Amino acid sequence: MDKARVFAIRFASVYPLYIKKAEAKGRSKEEVDTVIFWLTGYNKQTLQKQIDKKNDFETFFAQAPALNLNASKITGVICGYRVEEIEDKLIQKMRYLDKLIDELAKGRAMEKILRK
């Protein structure tokens, strides 16, 4: 995997895809935002700033206010990899977010997605 290429992906280019995936399964943009806020510590204004600046994923996660302490409870397979076994921390954070969006799209209860 070319890490430099993956890290350079702009969050703003993927964000609409997260929303589209969720909405196709009857979920909402607000639910996508809730998942992102939970994982990263961003709020509506700070997330919008990341989108407006067109920051890449590396910057997006580097500037995140605080990764949720319960993020380590996110387990399972995404894109053929067990998220809990990914060694590169940035890739792991990206896959955490992918996993949460997948769970949302699959209809999992928000309480379970947010590891409450």
PDB file of N, CA and C in Angstrom:
ATOM      1  N   MET A   1       0.843  -1.170   0.000  1.00  0.00           N
ATOM      2  CA  MET A   1       0.000   0.000   0.000  1.00  0.00           C
ATOM      3  C   MET A   1       0.895   1.243   0.000  1.00  0.00           C
ATOM      4  N   ASP A   2       0.602   2.191  -0.880  1.00  0.00           N
ATOM      5  CA  ASP A   2       1.366   3.429  -0.948  1.00  0.00           C
ATOM      6  C   ASP A   2       0.796   4.396   0.083  1.00  0.00           C
ATOM      7  N   LYS A   3       1.449   4.441   1.249  1.00  0.00           N
ATOM      8  CA  LYS A   3       0.944   5.250   2.360  1.00  0.00           C
ATOM      9  C   LYS A   3       0.871   6.728   2.012  1.00  0.00           C
ATOM     10  N   ALA A   4       1.882   7.242   1.338  1.00  0.00           N
ATOM     11  CA  ALA A   4       1.889   8.661   0.991  1.00  0.00           C
ATOM     12  C   ALA A   4       0.656   9.022   0.161  1.00  0.00           C
ATOM     13  N   ARG A   5       0.300   8.136  -0.730  1.00  0.00           N
ATOM     14  CA  ARG A   5      -0.869   8.373  -1.586  1.00  0.00           C
ATOM     15  C   ARG A   5      -2.167   8.308  -0.775  1.00  0.00           C
ATOM     16  N   VAL A   6      -2.249   7.360   0.123  1.00  0.00           N
ATOM     17  CA  VAL A   6      -3.440   7.218   0.964  1.00  0.00           C
ATOM     18  C   VAL A   6      -3.588   8.417   1.891  1.00  0.00           C
ATOM     19  N   PHE A   7      -2.482   8.831   2.505  1.00  0.00           N
ATOM     20  CA  PHE A   7      -2.527   9.957   3.437  1.00  0.00           C
ATOM     21  C   PHE A   7      -2.898  11.262   2.740  1.00  0.00           C
ATOM     22  N   ALA A   8      -2.607  11.360   1.453  1.00  0.00           N
ATOM     23  CA  ALA A   8      -2.868  12.583   0.702  1.00  0.00           C
ATOM     24  C   ALA A   8      -4.319  12.713   0.249  1.00  0.00           C
ATOM     25  N   ILE A   9      -5.106  11.680   0.438  1.00  0.00           N
ATOM     26  CA  ILE A   9      -6.525  11.743   0.065  1.00  0.00           C
ATOM     27  C   ILE A   9      -7.178  12.839   0.893  1.00  0.00           C
ATOM     28  N   ARG A  10      -7.906  13.689   0.237  1.00  0.00           N
ATOM     29  CA  ARG A  10      -8.579  14.787   0.937  1.00  0.00           C
ATOM     30  C   ARG A  10      -9.833  14.287   1.629  1.00  0.00           C
ATOM     31  N   PHE A  11      -9.952  14.640   2.890  1.00  0.00           N
ATOM     32  CA  PHE A  11     -11.145  14.269   3.633  1.00  0.00           C
ATOM     33  C   PHE A  11     -12.389  14.810   2.941  1.00  0.00           C
ATOM     34  N   ALA A  12     -12.299  16.038   2.442  1.00  0.00           N
ATOM     35  CA  ALA A  12     -13.448  16.678   1.793  1.00  0.00           C
ATOM     36  C   ALA A  12     -13.936  15.906   0.571  1.00  0.00           C
ATOM     37  N   SER A  13     -13.057  15.127  -0.057  1.00  0.00           N
ATOM     38  CA  SER A  13     -13.478  14.344  -1.224  1.00  0.00           C
ATOM     39  C   SER A  13     -14.164  13.040  -0.822  1.00  0.00           C
ATOM     40  N   VAL A  14     -13.879  12.557   0.374  1.00  0.00           N
ATOM     41  CA  VAL A  14     -14.459  11.296   0.840  1.00  0.00           C
ATOM     42  C   VAL A  14     -15.742  11.536   1.648  1.00  0.00           C
ATOM     43  N   TYR A  15     -15.809  12.649   2.330  1.00  0.00           N
ATOM     44  CA  TYR A  15     -16.956  12.973   3.182  1.00  0.00           C
ATOM     45  C   TYR A  15     -18.300  12.829   2.448  1.00  0.00           C
ATOM     46  N   PRO A  16     -18.454  13.388   1.232  1.00  0.00           N
ATOM     47  CA  PRO A  16     -19.732  13.212   0.528  1.00  0.00           C
ATOM     48  C   PRO A  16     -20.035  11.741   0.223  1.00  0.00           C
ATOM     49  N   LEU A  17     -19.001  10.935   0.048  1.00  0.00           N
ATOM     50  CA  LEU A  17     -19.200   9.502  -0.206  1.00  0.00           C
ATOM     51  C   LEU A  17     -19.720   8.802   1.046  1.00  0.00           C
ATOM     52  N   TYR A  18     -19.226   9.218   2.213  1.00  0.00           N
ATOM     53  CA  TYR A  18     -19.751   8.677   3.475  1.00  0.00           C
ATOM     54  C   TYR A  18     -21.241   8.994   3.592  1.00  0.00           C
ATOM     55  N   ILE A  19     -21.589  10.233   3.287  1.00  0.00           N
ATOM     56  CA  ILE A  19     -22.989  10.655   3.377  1.00  0.00           C
ATOM     57  C   ILE A  19     -23.844   9.883   2.382  1.00  0.00           C
ATOM     58  N   LYS A  20     -23.366   9.775   1.160  1.00  0.00           N
ATOM     59  CA  LYS A  20     -24.109   9.053   0.115  1.00  0.00           C
ATOM     60  C   LYS A  20     -24.341   7.596   0.523  1.00  0.00           C
ATOM     61  N   LYS A  21     -23.304   6.959   1.062  1.00  0.00           N
ATOM     62  CA  LYS A  21     -23.423   5.567   1.485  1.00  0.00           C
ATOM     63  C   LYS A  21     -24.472   5.427   2.585  1.00  0.00           C
ATOM     64  N   ALA A  22     -24.429   6.322   3.556  1.00  0.00           N
ATOM     65  CA  ALA A  22     -25.383   6.273   4.670  1.00  0.00           C
ATOM     66  C   ALA A  22     -26.806   6.558   4.196  1.00  0.00           C
ATOM     67  N   GLU A  23     -26.960   7.596   3.384  1.00  0.00           N
ATOM     68  CA  GLU A  23     -28.296   7.967   2.916  1.00  0.00           C
ATOM     69  C   GLU A  23     -28.909   6.890   2.026  1.00  0.00           C
ATOM     70  N   ALA A  24     -28.080   6.176   1.277  1.00  0.00           N
ATOM     71  CA  ALA A  24     -28.585   5.084   0.433  1.00  0.00           C
ATOM     72  C   ALA A  24     -29.205   3.976   1.271  1.00  0.00           C
ATOM     73  N   LYS A  25     -28.802   3.910   2.520  1.00  0.00           N
ATOM     74  CA  LYS A  25     -29.327   2.880   3.433  1.00  0.00           C
ATOM     75  C   LYS A  25     -30.300   3.462   4.457  1.00  0.00           C
ATOM     76  N   GLY A  26     -30.808   4.670   4.179  1.00  0.00           N
ATOM     77  CA  GLY A  26     -31.832   5.261   5.035  1.00  0.00           C
ATOM     78  C   GLY A  26     -31.297   5.989   6.260  1.00  0.00           C
ATOM     79  N   ARG A  27     -30.011   6.236   6.311  1.00  0.00           N
ATOM     80  CA  ARG A  27     -29.437   6.992   7.425  1.00  0.00           C
ATOM     81  C   ARG A  27     -29.236   8.439   6.978  1.00  0.00           C
ATOM     82  N   SER A  28     -28.844   9.314   7.886  1.00  0.00           N
ATOM     83  CA  SER A  28     -28.780  10.733   7.563  1.00  0.00           C
ATOM     84  C   SER A  28     -27.369  11.309   7.651  1.00  0.00           C
ATOM     85  N   LYS A  29     -27.205  12.482   7.055  1.00  0.00           N
ATOM     86  CA  LYS A  29     -25.952  13.228   7.145  1.00  0.00           C
ATOM     87  C   LYS A  29     -25.646  13.531   8.609  1.00  0.00           C
ATOM     88  N   GLU A  30     -26.678  13.862   9.371  1.00  0.00           N
ATOM     89  CA  GLU A  30     -26.491  14.169  10.791  1.00  0.00           C
ATOM     90  C   GLU A  30     -25.925  12.971  11.544  1.00  0.00           C
ATOM     91  N   GLU A  31     -26.341  11.776  11.169  1.00  0.00           N
ATOM     92  CA  GLU A  31     -25.805  10.572  11.811  1.00  0.00           C
ATOM     93  C   GLU A  31     -24.336  10.353  11.421  1.00  0.00           C
ATOM     94  N   VAL A  32     -24.006  10.632  10.165  1.00  0.00           N
ATOM     95  CA  VAL A  32     -22.603  10.545   9.727  1.00  0.00           C
ATOM     96  C   VAL A  32     -21.775  11.525  10.547  1.00  0.00           C
ATOM     97  N   ASP A  33     -22.275  12.748  10.677  1.00  0.00           N
ATOM     98  CA  ASP A  33     -21.562  13.758  11.459  1.00  0.00           C
ATOM     99  C   ASP A  33     -21.399  13.326  12.917  1.00  0.00           C
ATOM    100  N   THR A  34     -22.434  12.750  13.491  1.00  0.00           N
ATOM    101  CA  THR A  34     -22.365  12.284  14.878  1.00  0.00           C
ATOM    102  C   THR A  34     -21.255  11.260  15.052  1.00  0.00           C
ATOM    103  N   VAL A  35     -21.137  10.347  14.106  1.00  0.00           N
ATOM    104  CA  VAL A  35     -20.086   9.329  14.153  1.00  0.00           C
ATOM    105  C   VAL A  35     -18.701   9.990  14.063  1.00  0.00           C
ATOM    106  N   ILE A  36     -18.563  10.942  13.153  1.00  0.00           N
ATOM    107  CA  ILE A  36     -17.279  11.643  12.991  1.00  0.00           C
ATOM    108  C   ILE A  36     -16.951  12.442  14.245  1.00  0.00           C
ATOM    109  N   PHE A  37     -17.945  13.148  14.792  1.00  0.00           N
ATOM    110  CA  PHE A  37     -17.725  13.919  16.023  1.00  0.00           C
ATOM    111  C   PHE A  37     -17.273  13.003  17.154  1.00  0.00           C
ATOM    112  N   TRP A  38     -17.931  11.853  17.274  1.00  0.00           N
ATOM    113  CA  TRP A  38     -17.602  10.906  18.350  1.00  0.00           C
ATOM    114  C   TRP A  38     -16.162  10.413  18.218  1.00  0.00           C
ATOM    115  N   LEU A  39     -15.766  10.040  17.012  1.00  0.00           N
ATOM    116  CA  LEU A  39     -14.431   9.481  16.823  1.00  0.00           C
ATOM    117  C   LEU A  39     -13.334  10.529  16.990  1.00  0.00           C
ATOM    118  N   THR A  40     -13.549  11.720  16.459  1.00  0.00           N
ATOM    119  CA  THR A  40     -12.467  12.704  16.348  1.00  0.00           C
ATOM    120  C   THR A  40     -12.494  13.844  17.345  1.00  0.00           C
ATOM    121  N   GLY A  41     -13.652  14.130  17.900  1.00  0.00           N
ATOM    122  CA  GLY A  41     -13.774  15.288  18.790  1.00  0.00           C
ATOM    123  C   GLY A  41     -14.118  16.572  18.059  1.00  0.00           C
ATOM    124  N   TYR A  42     -14.219  16.517  16.729  1.00  0.00           N
ATOM    125  CA  TYR A  42     -14.646  17.694  15.991  1.00  0.00           C
ATOM    126  C   TYR A  42     -16.091  18.023  16.340  1.00  0.00           C
ATOM    127  N   ASN A  43     -16.494  19.269  16.075  1.00  0.00           N
ATOM    128  CA  ASN A  43     -17.894  19.655  16.169  1.00  0.00           C
ATOM    129  C   ASN A  43     -18.310  20.180  14.801  1.00  0.00           C
ATOM    130  N   LYS A  44     -19.525  20.660  14.695  1.00  0.00           N
ATOM    131  CA  LYS A  44     -20.041  21.078  13.393  1.00  0.00           C
ATOM    132  C   LYS A  44     -19.144  22.141  12.739  1.00  0.00           C
ATOM    133  N   GLN A  45     -18.725  23.138  13.505  1.00  0.00           N
ATOM    134  CA  GLN A  45     -17.915  24.229  12.958  1.00  0.00           C
ATOM    135  C   GLN A  45     -16.510  23.756  12.588  1.00  0.00           C
ATOM    136  N   THR A  46     -15.870  23.008  13.478  1.00  0.00           N
ATOM    137  CA  THR A  46     -14.491  22.584  13.212  1.00  0.00           C
ATOM    138  C   THR A  46     -14.422  21.556  12.091  1.00  0.00           C
ATOM    139  N   LEU A  47     -15.453  20.717  11.978  1.00  0.00           N
ATOM    140  CA  LEU A  47     -15.504  19.768  10.860  1.00  0.00           C
ATOM    141  C   LEU A  47     -15.649  20.532   9.550  1.00  0.00           C
ATOM    142  N   GLN A  48     -16.511  21.535   9.544  1.00  0.00           N
ATOM    143  CA  GLN A  48     -16.709  22.323   8.324  1.00  0.00           C
ATOM    144  C   GLN A  48     -15.421  23.029   7.922  1.00  0.00           C
ATOM    145  N   LYS A  49     -14.640  23.483   8.884  1.00  0.00           N
ATOM    146  CA  LYS A  49     -13.352  24.126   8.574  1.00  0.00           C
ATOM    147  C   LYS A  49     -12.407  23.133   7.894  1.00  0.00           C
ATOM    148  N   GLN A  50     -12.395  21.889   8.369  1.00  0.00           N
ATOM    149  CA  GLN A  50     -11.555  20.858   7.744  1.00  0.00           C
ATOM    150  C   GLN A  50     -11.981  20.630   6.299  1.00  0.00           C
ATOM    151  N   ILE A  51     -13.277  20.607   6.075  1.00  0.00           N
ATOM    152  CA  ILE A  51     -13.810  20.402   4.730  1.00  0.00           C
ATOM    153  C   ILE A  51     -13.461  21.599   3.840  1.00  0.00           C
ATOM    154  N   ASP A  52     -13.665  22.809   4.353  1.00  0.00           N
ATOM    155  CA  ASP A  52     -13.387  24.017   3.578  1.00  0.00           C
ATOM    156  C   ASP A  52     -11.906  24.145   3.218  1.00  0.00           C
ATOM    157  N   LYS A  53     -11.027  23.724   4.128  1.00  0.00           N
ATOM    158  CA  LYS A  53      -9.581  23.801   3.884  1.00  0.00           C
ATOM    159  C   LYS A  53      -9.100  22.687   2.952  1.00  0.00           C
ATOM    160  N   LYS A  54      -9.984  21.708   2.714  1.00  0.00           N
ATOM    161  CA  LYS A  54      -9.653  20.556   1.865  1.00  0.00           C
ATOM    162  C   LYS A  54      -8.409  19.826   2.376  1.00  0.00           C
ATOM    163  N   ASN A  55      -8.368  19.654   3.692  1.00  0.00           N
ATOM    164  CA  ASN A  55      -7.238  18.950   4.307  1.00  0.00           C
ATOM    165  C   ASN A  55      -7.246  17.476   3.956  1.00  0.00           C
ATOM    166  N   ASP A  56      -6.038  16.927   3.865  1.00  0.00           N
ATOM    167  CA  ASP A  56      -5.917  15.489   3.642  1.00  0.00           C
ATOM    168  C   ASP A  56      -6.188  14.751   4.951  1.00  0.00           C
ATOM    169  N   PHE A  57      -6.288  13.421   4.847  1.00  0.00           N
ATOM    170  CA  PHE A  57      -6.594  12.630   6.041  1.00  0.00           C
ATOM    171  C   PHE A  57      -5.514  12.751   7.115  1.00  0.00           C
ATOM    172  N   GLU A  58      -4.269  12.864   6.691  1.00  0.00           N
ATOM    173  CA  GLU A  58      -3.187  12.997   7.670  1.00  0.00           C
ATOM    174  C   GLU A  58      -3.391  14.258   8.511  1.00  0.00           C
ATOM    175  N   THR A  59      -3.688  15.361   7.860  1.00  0.00           N
ATOM    176  CA  THR A  59      -3.940  16.620   8.568  1.00  0.00           C
ATOM    177  C   THR A  59      -5.242  16.545   9.351  1.00  0.00           C
ATOM    178  N   PHE A  60      -6.258  15.961   8.747  1.00  0.00           N
ATOM    179  CA  PHE A  60      -7.563  15.813   9.400  1.00  0.00           C
ATOM    180  C   PHE A  60      -7.420  15.136  10.758  1.00  0.00           C
ATOM    181  N   PHE A  61      -6.701  14.025  10.795  1.00  0.00           N
ATOM    182  CA  PHE A  61      -6.541  13.321  12.071  1.00  0.00           C
ATOM    183  C   PHE A  61      -5.512  13.992  12.980  1.00  0.00           C
ATOM    184  N   ALA A  62      -4.495  14.608  12.409  1.00  0.00           N
ATOM    185  CA  ALA A  62      -3.489  15.305  13.228  1.00  0.00           C
ATOM    186  C   ALA A  62      -4.109  16.492  13.957  1.00  0.00           C
ATOM    187  N   GLN A  63      -5.088  17.132  13.336  1.00  0.00           N
ATOM    188  CA  GLN A  63      -5.722  18.297  13.940  1.00  0.00           C
ATOM    189  C   GLN A  63      -6.989  17.953  14.713  1.00  0.00           C
ATOM    190  N   ALA A  64      -7.345  16.693  14.741  1.00  0.00           N
ATOM    191  CA  ALA A  64      -8.540  16.276  15.486  1.00  0.00           C
ATOM    192  C   ALA A  64      -8.366  16.617  16.958  1.00  0.00           C
ATOM    193  N   PRO A  65      -9.390  17.214  17.564  1.00  0.00           N
ATOM    194  CA  PRO A  65      -9.270  17.605  18.968  1.00  0.00           C
ATOM    195  C   PRO A  65      -8.887  16.453  19.895  1.00  0.00           C
ATOM    196  N   ALA A  66      -9.504  15.288  19.709  1.00  0.00           N
ATOM    197  CA  ALA A  66      -9.184  14.146  20.572  1.00  0.00           C
ATOM    198  C   ALA A  66      -9.819  12.888  20.007  1.00  0.00           C
ATOM    199  N   LEU A  67      -8.999  11.882  19.749  1.00  0.00           N
ATOM    200  CA  LEU A  67      -9.550  10.601  19.325  1.00  0.00           C
ATOM    201  C   LEU A  67     -10.282  10.005  20.522  1.00  0.00           C
ATOM    202  N   ASN A  68     -11.481   9.521  20.292  1.00  0.00           N
ATOM    203  CA  ASN A  68     -12.279   8.966  21.376  1.00  0.00           C
ATOM    204  C   ASN A  68     -11.543   7.824  22.059  1.00  0.00           C
ATOM    205  N   LEU A  69     -11.571   7.822  23.372  1.00  0.00           N
ATOM    206  CA  LEU A  69     -10.890   6.781  24.151  1.00  0.00           C
ATOM    207  C   LEU A  69     -11.457   5.394  23.877  1.00  0.00           C
ATOM    208  N   ASN A  70     -12.703   5.336  23.439  1.00  0.00           N
ATOM    209  CA  ASN A  70     -13.325   4.048  23.137  1.00  0.00           C
ATOM    210  C   ASN A  70     -13.081   3.587  21.702  1.00  0.00           C
ATOM    211  N   ALA A  71     -12.279   4.315  20.953  1.00  0.00           N
ATOM    212  CA  ALA A  71     -11.980   3.918  19.569  1.00  0.00           C
ATOM    213  C   ALA A  71     -11.343   2.537  19.520  1.00  0.00           C
ATOM    214  N   SER A  72     -10.595   2.194  20.540  1.00  0.00           N
ATOM    215  CA  SER A  72      -9.952   0.877  20.565  1.00  0.00           C
ATOM    216  C   SER A  72     -10.974  -0.258  20.654  1.00  0.00           C
ATOM    217  N   LYS A  73     -12.215   0.065  20.971  1.00  0.00           N
ATOM    218  CA  LYS A  73     -13.278  -0.948  21.007  1.00  0.00           C
ATOM    219  C   LYS A  73     -13.830  -1.248  19.620  1.00  0.00           C
ATOM    220  N   ILE A  74     -13.399  -0.495  18.625  1.00  0.00           N
ATOM    221  CA  ILE A  74     -13.831  -0.735  17.245  1.00  0.00           C
ATOM    222  C   ILE A  74     -13.028  -1.923  16.726  1.00  0.00           C
ATOM    223  N   THR A  75     -13.724  -2.981  16.417  1.00  0.00           N
ATOM    224  CA  THR A  75     -13.067  -4.198  15.943  1.00  0.00           C
ATOM    225  C   THR A  75     -13.790  -4.719  14.713  1.00  0.00           C
ATOM    226  N   GLY A  76     -13.154  -5.641  14.060  1.00  0.00           N
ATOM    227  CA  GLY A  76     -13.772  -6.260  12.897  1.00  0.00           C
ATOM    228  C   GLY A  76     -12.944  -6.048  11.648  1.00  0.00           C
ATOM    229  N   VAL A  77     -13.505  -6.498  10.536  1.00  0.00           N
ATOM    230  CA  VAL A  77     -12.790  -6.469   9.268  1.00  0.00           C
ATOM    231  C   VAL A  77     -13.352  -5.358   8.394  1.00  0.00           C
ATOM    232  N   ILE A  78     -12.429  -4.593   7.808  1.00  0.00           N
ATOM    233  CA  ILE A  78     -12.795  -3.579   6.832  1.00  0.00           C
ATOM    234  C   ILE A  78     -11.755  -3.637   5.717  1.00  0.00           C
ATOM    235  N   CYS A  79     -12.207  -3.747   4.501  1.00  0.00           N
ATOM    236  CA  CYS A  79     -11.317  -3.851   3.332  1.00  0.00           C
ATOM    237  C   CYS A  79     -10.328  -5.003   3.484  1.00  0.00           C
ATOM    238  N   GLY A  80     -10.763  -6.074   4.117  1.00  0.00           N
ATOM    239  CA  GLY A  80      -9.931  -7.258   4.259  1.00  0.00           C
ATOM    240  C   GLY A  80      -8.928  -7.225   5.394  1.00  0.00           C
ATOM    241  N   TYR A  81      -8.948  -6.161   6.188  1.00  0.00           N
ATOM    242  CA  TYR A  81      -8.008  -6.035   7.304  1.00  0.00           C
ATOM    243  C   TYR A  81      -8.762  -5.932   8.626  1.00  0.00           C
ATOM    244  N   ARG A  82      -8.230  -6.570   9.658  1.00  0.00           N
ATOM    245  CA  ARG A  82      -8.783  -6.414  10.999  1.00  0.00           C
ATOM    246  C   ARG A  82      -8.329  -5.063  11.524  1.00  0.00           C
ATOM    247  N   VAL A  83      -9.266  -4.183  11.833  1.00  0.00           N
ATOM    248  CA  VAL A  83      -8.897  -2.824  12.238  1.00  0.00           C
ATOM    249  C   VAL A  83      -8.053  -2.804  13.505  1.00  0.00           C
ATOM    250  N   GLU A  84      -8.295  -3.744  14.381  1.00  0.00           N
ATOM    251  CA  GLU A  84      -7.546  -3.768  15.646  1.00  0.00           C
ATOM    252  C   GLU A  84      -6.102  -4.238  15.468  1.00  0.00           C
ATOM    253  N   GLU A  85      -5.782  -4.799  14.301  1.00  0.00           N
ATOM    254  CA  GLU A  85      -4.427  -5.312  14.052  1.00  0.00           C
ATOM    255  C   GLU A  85      -3.605  -4.412  13.129  1.00  0.00           C
ATOM    256  N   ILE A  86      -4.177  -3.318  12.660  1.00  0.00           N
ATOM    257  CA  ILE A  86      -3.451  -2.417  11.770  1.00  0.00           C
ATOM    258  C   ILE A  86      -2.379  -1.689  12.573  1.00  0.00           C
ATOM    259  N   GLU A  87      -1.146  -1.800  12.119  1.00  0.00           N
ATOM    260  CA  GLU A  87      -0.021  -1.241  12.875  1.00  0.00           C
ATOM    261  C   GLU A  87       0.143   0.259  12.677  1.00  0.00           C
ATOM    262  N   ASP A  88      -0.030   0.749  11.468  1.00  0.00           N
ATOM    263  CA  ASP A  88       0.109   2.181  11.215  1.00  0.00           C
ATOM    264  C   ASP A  88      -1.089   2.911  11.840  1.00  0.00           C
ATOM    265  N   LYS A  89      -0.808   3.804  12.766  1.00  0.00           N
ATOM    266  CA  LYS A  89      -1.873   4.464  13.540  1.00  0.00           C
ATOM    267  C   LYS A  89      -2.779   5.336  12.676  1.00  0.00           C
ATOM    268  N   LEU A  90      -2.230   6.009  11.677  1.00  0.00           N
ATOM    269  CA  LEU A  90      -3.068   6.842  10.823  1.00  0.00           C
ATOM    270  C   LEU A  90      -3.994   5.983   9.965  1.00  0.00           C
ATOM    271  N   ILE A  91      -3.450   4.931   9.386  1.00  0.00           N
ATOM    272  CA  ILE A  91      -4.289   4.013   8.603  1.00  0.00           C
ATOM    273  C   ILE A  91      -5.363   3.417   9.504  1.00  0.00           C
ATOM    274  N   GLN A  92      -4.996   3.080  10.725  1.00  0.00           N
ATOM    275  CA  GLN A  92      -5.965   2.514  11.661  1.00  0.00           C
ATOM    276  C   GLN A  92      -7.099   3.506  11.927  1.00  0.00           C
ATOM    277  N   LYS A  93      -6.776   4.771  12.134  1.00  0.00           N
ATOM    278  CA  LYS A  93      -7.813   5.783  12.374  1.00  0.00           C
ATOM    279  C   LYS A  93      -8.722   5.921  11.159  1.00  0.00           C
ATOM    280  N   MET A  94      -8.128   5.892   9.976  1.00  0.00           N
ATOM    281  CA  MET A  94      -8.929   5.973   8.755  1.00  0.00           C
ATOM    282  C   MET A  94      -9.874   4.778   8.658  1.00  0.00           C
ATOM    283  N   ARG A  95      -9.371   3.616   8.984  1.00  0.00           N
ATOM    284  CA  ARG A  95     -10.200   2.398   8.927  1.00  0.00           C
ATOM    285  C   ARG A  95     -11.247   2.377  10.041  1.00  0.00           C
ATOM    286  N   TYR A  96     -10.920   2.956  11.197  1.00  0.00           N
ATOM    287  CA  TYR A  96     -11.937   3.107  12.251  1.00  0.00           C
ATOM    288  C   TYR A  96     -13.128   3.879  11.686  1.00  0.00           C
ATOM    289  N   LEU A  97     -12.839   4.977  11.024  1.00  0.00           N
ATOM    290  CA  LEU A  97     -13.909   5.791  10.463  1.00  0.00           C
ATOM    291  C   LEU A  97     -14.675   5.012   9.395  1.00  0.00           C
ATOM    292  N   ASP A  98     -13.974   4.312   8.530  1.00  0.00           N
ATOM    293  CA  ASP A  98     -14.633   3.473   7.519  1.00  0.00           C
ATOM    294  C   ASP A  98     -15.553   2.451   8.178  1.00  0.00           C
ATOM    295  N   LYS A  99     -15.066   1.823   9.218  1.00  0.00           N
ATOM    296  CA  LYS A  99     -15.827   0.787   9.922  1.00  0.00           C
ATOM    297  C   LYS A  99     -17.096   1.374  10.535  1.00  0.00           C
ATOM    298  N   LEU A 100     -16.972   2.544  11.159  1.00  0.00           N
ATOM    299  CA  LEU A 100     -18.141   3.178  11.772  1.00  0.00           C
ATOM    300  C   LEU A 100     -19.185   3.550  10.719  1.00  0.00           C
ATOM    301  N   ILE A 101     -18.734   4.057   9.582  1.00  0.00           N
ATOM    302  CA  ILE A 101     -19.669   4.404   8.501  1.00  0.00           C
ATOM    303  C   ILE A 101     -20.334   3.137   7.960  1.00  0.00           C
ATOM    304  N   ASP A 102     -19.587   2.062   7.830  1.00  0.00           N
ATOM    305  CA  ASP A 102     -20.170   0.780   7.400  1.00  0.00           C
ATOM    306  C   ASP A 102     -21.243   0.308   8.375  1.00  0.00           C
ATOM    307  N   GLU A 103     -20.946   0.391   9.658  1.00  0.00           N
ATOM    308  CA  GLU A 103     -21.917  -0.029  10.671  1.00  0.00           C
ATOM    309  C   GLU A 103     -23.180   0.826  10.585  1.00  0.00           C
ATOM    310  N   LEU A 104     -23.004   2.114  10.374  1.00  0.00           N
ATOM    311  CA  LEU A 104     -24.144   3.017  10.230  1.00  0.00           C
ATOM    312  C   LEU A 104     -24.981   2.605   9.025  1.00  0.00           C
ATOM    313  N   ALA A 105     -24.314   2.377   7.899  1.00  0.00           N
ATOM    314  CA  ALA A 105     -25.019   2.003   6.665  1.00  0.00           C
ATOM    315  C   ALA A 105     -25.706   0.646   6.776  1.00  0.00           C
ATOM    316  N   LYS A 106     -25.168  -0.218   7.620  1.00  0.00           N
ATOM    317  CA  LYS A 106     -25.771  -1.540   7.792  1.00  0.00           C
ATOM    318  C   LYS A 106     -26.943  -1.525   8.768  1.00  0.00           C
ATOM    319  N   GLY A 107     -27.264  -0.348   9.315  1.00  0.00           N
ATOM    320  CA  GLY A 107     -28.433  -0.224  10.173  1.00  0.00           C
ATOM    321  C   GLY A 107     -28.187  -0.489  11.642  1.00  0.00           C
ATOM    322  N   ARG A 108     -26.943  -0.573  12.033  1.00  0.00           N
ATOM    323  CA  ARG A 108     -26.631  -0.814  13.442  1.00  0.00           C
ATOM    324  C   ARG A 108     -27.114   0.367  14.277  1.00  0.00           C
ATOM    325  N   ALA A 109     -27.562   0.097  15.472  1.00  0.00           N
ATOM    326  CA  ALA A 109     -28.059   1.143  16.365  1.00  0.00           C
ATOM    327  C   ALA A 109     -26.931   2.104  16.727  1.00  0.00           C
ATOM    328  N   MET A 110     -27.250   3.391  16.757  1.00  0.00           N
ATOM    329  CA  MET A 110     -26.247   4.417  17.049  1.00  0.00           C
ATOM    330  C   MET A 110     -25.565   4.160  18.393  1.00  0.00           C
ATOM    331  N   GLU A 111     -26.314   3.692  19.343  1.00  0.00           N
ATOM    332  CA  GLU A 111     -25.742   3.397  20.666  1.00  0.00           C
ATOM    333  C   GLU A 111     -24.618   2.372  20.570  1.00  0.00           C
ATOM    334  N   LYS A 112     -24.784   1.380  19.719  1.00  0.00           N
ATOM    335  CA  LYS A 112     -23.746   0.361  19.537  1.00  0.00           C
ATOM    336  C   LYS A 112     -22.576   0.900  18.719  1.00  0.00           C
ATOM    337  N   ILE A 113     -22.887   1.701  17.691  1.00  0.00           N
ATOM    338  CA  ILE A 113     -21.830   2.282  16.864  1.00  0.00           C
ATOM    339  C   ILE A 113     -20.900   3.135  17.730  1.00  0.00           C
ATOM    340  N   LEU A 114     -21.493   3.890  18.652  1.00  0.00           N
ATOM    341  CA  LEU A 114     -20.721   4.775  19.517  1.00  0.00           C
ATOM    342  C   LEU A 114     -20.170   4.080  20.753  1.00  0.00           C
ATOM    343  N   ARG A 115     -20.257   2.776  20.753  1.00  0.00           N
ATOM    344  CA  ARG A 115     -19.661   1.940  21.808  1.00  0.00           C
ATOM    345  C   ARG A 115     -20.077   2.370  23.209  1.00  0.00           C
ATOM    346  N   LYS A 116     -21.398   2.562  23.380  1.00  0.00           N
ATOM    347  CA  LYS A 116     -21.923   2.956  24.700  1.00  0.00           C
ATOM    348  C   LYS A 116     -22.330   1.753  25.492  1.00  0.00           C
TER     349      LYS A 116
END
